[in-house]
Amino acid sequence: MSIAYALEPGLSAEEFRAVLIASTLGEMRPVGDLERLERMLRKASLILTARDGERLVGISRAITDFSFCCYLSDLAVDAAYQRRGIGKRLIAETHRGAGEETMLILIAAPAAEEYYPKIGMQQRPSCWTVPRSR
């Protein structure tokens, strides 16, 4: 298996939706609202993809200031391609793209909570949010 990793700032909302659904992250994202997915993509700082040929099998979507912090908002790998190091590589490429001065931050989906410590990420004891109004 030869997976190609690349920055893809012009990724389509349709492909984004497909990999979200294939990864199960779609359960927590507005996959029924292509316009909103499009805005999510266009306002992101970094969009890194993993492709098996033409097939999109993974994505990392992040927001960063390129100097202090990087919020990795979406990390999705097609379930058929998981456990092959793709997520770990997407995280590394995202952190590299944001800059080594940044701290990478993410909020784990419940199904992925046990994954992150296995690849060396450190858990922080608290996170505070203001819920979406819609």
C-alpha atoms as a PDB file:
ATOM      1  CA  MET A   1       0.000   0.000   0.000  1.00  0.00           C
ATOM      2  CA  SER A   2       1.411   3.344  -1.058  1.00  0.00           C
ATOM      3  CA  ILE A   3      -0.402   6.244   0.581  1.00  0.00           C
ATOM      4  CA  ALA A   4       0.305   9.750  -0.721  1.00  0.00           C
ATOM      5  CA  TYR A   5       0.100  12.654   1.737  1.00  0.00           C
ATOM      6  CA  ALA A   6      -0.463  16.212   0.549  1.00  0.00           C
ATOM      7  CA  LEU A   7      -1.749  19.649   1.398  1.00  0.00           C
ATOM      8  CA  GLU A   8      -5.106  20.023  -0.370  1.00  0.00           C
ATOM      9  CA  PRO A   9      -6.609  23.429   0.429  1.00  0.00           C
ATOM     10  CA  GLY A  10      -9.090  23.007  -2.445  1.00  0.00           C
ATOM     11  CA  LEU A  11     -10.532  19.682  -1.261  1.00  0.00           C
ATOM     12  CA  SER A  12     -14.215  19.344  -2.185  1.00  0.00           C
ATOM     13  CA  ALA A  13     -16.952  19.196   0.418  1.00  0.00           C
ATOM     14  CA  GLU A  14     -18.226  15.990  -1.222  1.00  0.00           C
ATOM     15  CA  GLU A  15     -14.915  14.173  -0.687  1.00  0.00           C
ATOM     16  CA  PHE A  16     -14.671  15.579   2.841  1.00  0.00           C
ATOM     17  CA  ARG A  17     -18.150  14.276   3.630  1.00  0.00           C
ATOM     18  CA  ALA A  18     -17.378  10.833   2.173  1.00  0.00           C
ATOM     19  CA  VAL A  19     -14.273  10.308   4.318  1.00  0.00           C
ATOM     20  CA  LEU A  20     -16.038  11.630   7.430  1.00  0.00           C
ATOM     21  CA  ILE A  21     -18.782   9.054   6.929  1.00  0.00           C
ATOM     22  CA  ALA A  22     -16.318   6.257   6.094  1.00  0.00           C
ATOM     23  CA  SER A  23     -14.389   7.004   9.278  1.00  0.00           C
ATOM     24  CA  THR A  24     -17.416   7.211  11.613  1.00  0.00           C
ATOM     25  CA  LEU A  25     -16.484  10.829  12.468  1.00  0.00           C
ATOM     26  CA  GLY A  26     -19.510  11.700  10.352  1.00  0.00           C
ATOM     27  CA  GLU A  27     -21.650  10.812  13.352  1.00  0.00           C
ATOM     28  CA  MET A  28     -20.312  13.982  15.004  1.00  0.00           C
ATOM     29  CA  ARG A  29     -20.104  16.310  11.987  1.00  0.00           C
ATOM     30  CA  PRO A  30     -22.785  18.064   9.891  1.00  0.00           C
ATOM     31  CA  VAL A  31     -22.483  15.665   6.939  1.00  0.00           C
ATOM     32  CA  GLY A  32     -25.994  16.518   5.765  1.00  0.00           C
ATOM     33  CA  ASP A  33     -25.048  20.180   5.227  1.00  0.00           C
ATOM     34  CA  LEU A  34     -22.623  20.471   2.287  1.00  0.00           C
ATOM     35  CA  GLU A  35     -22.614  24.266   2.486  1.00  0.00           C
ATOM     36  CA  ARG A  36     -21.412  24.134   6.087  1.00  0.00           C
ATOM     37  CA  LEU A  37     -18.779  21.499   5.242  1.00  0.00           C
ATOM     38  CA  GLU A  38     -17.582  23.793   2.450  1.00  0.00           C
ATOM     39  CA  ARG A  39     -17.212  26.684   4.917  1.00  0.00           C
ATOM     40  CA  MET A  40     -15.357  24.395   7.326  1.00  0.00           C
ATOM     41  CA  LEU A  41     -12.868  23.586   4.585  1.00  0.00           C
ATOM     42  CA  ARG A  42     -12.406  27.113   3.244  1.00  0.00           C
ATOM     43  CA  LYS A  43     -11.810  28.624   6.712  1.00  0.00           C
ATOM     44  CA  ALA A  44      -9.286  25.969   7.785  1.00  0.00           C
ATOM     45  CA  SER A  45      -5.602  26.850   7.998  1.00  0.00           C
ATOM     46  CA  LEU A  46      -4.336  23.407   6.971  1.00  0.00           C
ATOM     47  CA  ILE A  47      -6.004  20.573   5.108  1.00  0.00           C
ATOM     48  CA  LEU A  48      -3.836  17.489   4.751  1.00  0.00           C
ATOM     49  CA  THR A  49      -5.013  14.422   2.925  1.00  0.00           C
ATOM     50  CA  ALA A  50      -4.031  10.789   2.600  1.00  0.00           C
ATOM     51  CA  ARG A  51      -4.852   9.109  -0.711  1.00  0.00           C
ATOM     52  CA  ASP A  52      -4.590   5.585  -1.997  1.00  0.00           C
ATOM     53  CA  GLY A  53      -4.343   6.430  -5.677  1.00  0.00           C
ATOM     54  CA  GLU A  54      -7.279   8.755  -6.324  1.00  0.00           C
ATOM     55  CA  ARG A  55      -9.235   7.514  -3.303  1.00  0.00           C
ATOM     56  CA  LEU A  56      -9.315   9.855  -0.295  1.00  0.00           C
ATOM     57  CA  VAL A  57      -8.709   7.654   2.747  1.00  0.00           C
ATOM     58  CA  GLY A  58      -7.800  10.221   5.393  1.00  0.00           C
ATOM     59  CA  ILE A  59      -7.911  13.893   6.262  1.00  0.00           C
ATOM     60  CA  SER A  60      -6.600  16.280   8.865  1.00  0.00           C
ATOM     61  CA  ARG A  61      -8.288  19.692   9.075  1.00  0.00           C
ATOM     62  CA  ALA A  62      -6.668  22.216  11.397  1.00  0.00           C
ATOM     63  CA  ILE A  63      -6.827  25.850  12.473  1.00  0.00           C
ATOM     64  CA  THR A  64      -3.558  27.450  13.533  1.00  0.00           C
ATOM     65  CA  ASP A  65      -1.672  30.712  14.032  1.00  0.00           C
ATOM     66  CA  PHE A  66       1.539  28.966  12.814  1.00  0.00           C
ATOM     67  CA  SER A  67       3.442  30.218  15.856  1.00  0.00           C
ATOM     68  CA  PHE A  68       1.933  29.003  19.147  1.00  0.00           C
ATOM     69  CA  CYS A  69      -1.032  26.660  18.778  1.00  0.00           C
ATOM     70  CA  CYS A  70      -2.718  24.387  16.276  1.00  0.00           C
ATOM     71  CA  TYR A  71      -6.201  22.995  16.826  1.00  0.00           C
ATOM     72  CA  LEU A  72      -6.631  19.763  14.897  1.00  0.00           C
ATOM     73  CA  SER A  73     -10.379  19.885  14.499  1.00  0.00           C
ATOM     74  CA  ASP A  74     -10.903  16.850  12.276  1.00  0.00           C
ATOM     75  CA  LEU A  75      -8.818  13.713  11.968  1.00  0.00           C
ATOM     76  CA  ALA A  76     -10.615  11.083   9.931  1.00  0.00           C
ATOM     77  CA  VAL A  77      -9.339   7.852   8.421  1.00  0.00           C
ATOM     78  CA  ASP A  78     -11.577   5.536   6.424  1.00  0.00           C
ATOM     79  CA  ALA A  79     -12.337   2.536   8.682  1.00  0.00           C
ATOM     80  CA  ALA A  80     -11.045   0.167   5.976  1.00  0.00           C
ATOM     81  CA  TYR A  81      -7.627   1.882   6.207  1.00  0.00           C
ATOM     82  CA  GLN A  82      -7.287   2.251   9.979  1.00  0.00           C
ATOM     83  CA  ARG A  83      -4.463   0.635  11.958  1.00  0.00           C
ATOM     84  CA  ARG A  84      -1.942   1.336   9.176  1.00  0.00           C
ATOM     85  CA  GLY A  85      -0.312   4.463  10.618  1.00  0.00           C
ATOM     86  CA  ILE A  86      -2.267   6.900   8.443  1.00  0.00           C
ATOM     87  CA  GLY A  87      -3.743   8.878  11.359  1.00  0.00           C
ATOM     88  CA  LYS A  88      -0.374   9.129  13.074  1.00  0.00           C
ATOM     89  CA  ARG A  89       1.243  10.359   9.853  1.00  0.00           C
ATOM     90  CA  LEU A  90      -1.533  12.914   9.260  1.00  0.00           C
ATOM     91  CA  ILE A  91      -0.998  14.245  12.783  1.00  0.00           C
ATOM     92  CA  ALA A  92       2.765  14.507  12.202  1.00  0.00           C
ATOM     93  CA  GLU A  93       2.289  16.257   8.841  1.00  0.00           C
ATOM     94  CA  THR A  94      -0.227  18.661  10.378  1.00  0.00           C
ATOM     95  CA  HIS A  95       2.144  19.520  13.219  1.00  0.00           C
ATOM     96  CA  ARG A  96       5.017  19.956  10.764  1.00  0.00           C
ATOM     97  CA  GLY A  97       2.866  22.240   8.600  1.00  0.00           C
ATOM     98  CA  ALA A  98       1.817  24.360  11.581  1.00  0.00           C
ATOM     99  CA  GLY A  99       5.412  24.728  12.760  1.00  0.00           C
ATOM    100  CA  GLU A 100       7.508  23.185  15.490  1.00  0.00           C
ATOM    101  CA  GLU A 101       6.796  26.117  17.817  1.00  0.00           C
ATOM    102  CA  THR A 102       3.127  25.139  17.942  1.00  0.00           C
ATOM    103  CA  MET A 103       1.363  22.875  20.399  1.00  0.00           C
ATOM    104  CA  LEU A 104      -1.064  20.569  18.640  1.00  0.00           C
ATOM    105  CA  ILE A 105      -4.442  20.358  20.385  1.00  0.00           C
ATOM    106  CA  LEU A 106      -7.409  18.110  19.637  1.00  0.00           C
ATOM    107  CA  ILE A 107     -10.587  16.912  21.268  1.00  0.00           C
ATOM    108  CA  ALA A 108     -10.966  13.177  20.771  1.00  0.00           C
ATOM    109  CA  ALA A 109     -14.134  11.632  19.448  1.00  0.00           C
ATOM    110  CA  PRO A 110     -15.375   9.066  21.986  1.00  0.00           C
ATOM    111  CA  ALA A 111     -14.505   6.170  19.663  1.00  0.00           C
ATOM    112  CA  ALA A 112     -10.898   7.404  19.379  1.00  0.00           C
ATOM    113  CA  GLU A 113     -10.060   8.271  22.986  1.00  0.00           C
ATOM    114  CA  GLU A 114      -7.838   5.232  23.482  1.00  0.00           C
ATOM    115  CA  TYR A 115      -5.945   5.801  20.210  1.00  0.00           C
ATOM    116  CA  TYR A 116      -4.143   9.035  21.055  1.00  0.00           C
ATOM    117  CA  PRO A 117      -2.129   7.867  24.098  1.00  0.00           C
ATOM    118  CA  LYS A 118      -0.908   4.897  22.018  1.00  0.00           C
ATOM    119  CA  ILE A 119       0.756   7.259  19.541  1.00  0.00           C
ATOM    120  CA  GLY A 120       2.393   9.385  22.226  1.00  0.00           C
ATOM    121  CA  MET A 121      -0.062  12.217  22.707  1.00  0.00           C
ATOM    122  CA  GLN A 122      -0.500  13.604  26.212  1.00  0.00           C
ATOM    123  CA  GLN A 123      -3.932  14.024  27.761  1.00  0.00           C
ATOM    124  CA  ARG A 124      -4.781  17.284  29.508  1.00  0.00           C
ATOM    125  CA  PRO A 125      -7.199  17.094  32.452  1.00  0.00           C
ATOM    126  CA  SER A 126      -9.635  19.784  31.372  1.00  0.00           C
ATOM    127  CA  CYS A 127     -11.239  21.282  28.344  1.00  0.00           C
ATOM    128  CA  TRP A 128     -13.951  23.913  28.423  1.00  0.00           C
ATOM    129  CA  THR A 129     -16.464  24.611  25.692  1.00  0.00           C
ATOM    130  CA  VAL A 130     -19.392  26.835  24.904  1.00  0.00           C
ATOM    131  CA  PRO A 131     -21.991  24.702  23.076  1.00  0.00           C
ATOM    132  CA  ARG A 132     -23.158  25.536  19.559  1.00  0.00           C
ATOM    133  CA  SER A 133     -26.447  27.408  19.476  1.00  0.00           C
ATOM    134  CA  ARG A 134     -27.436  25.524  16.276  1.00  0.00           C
END
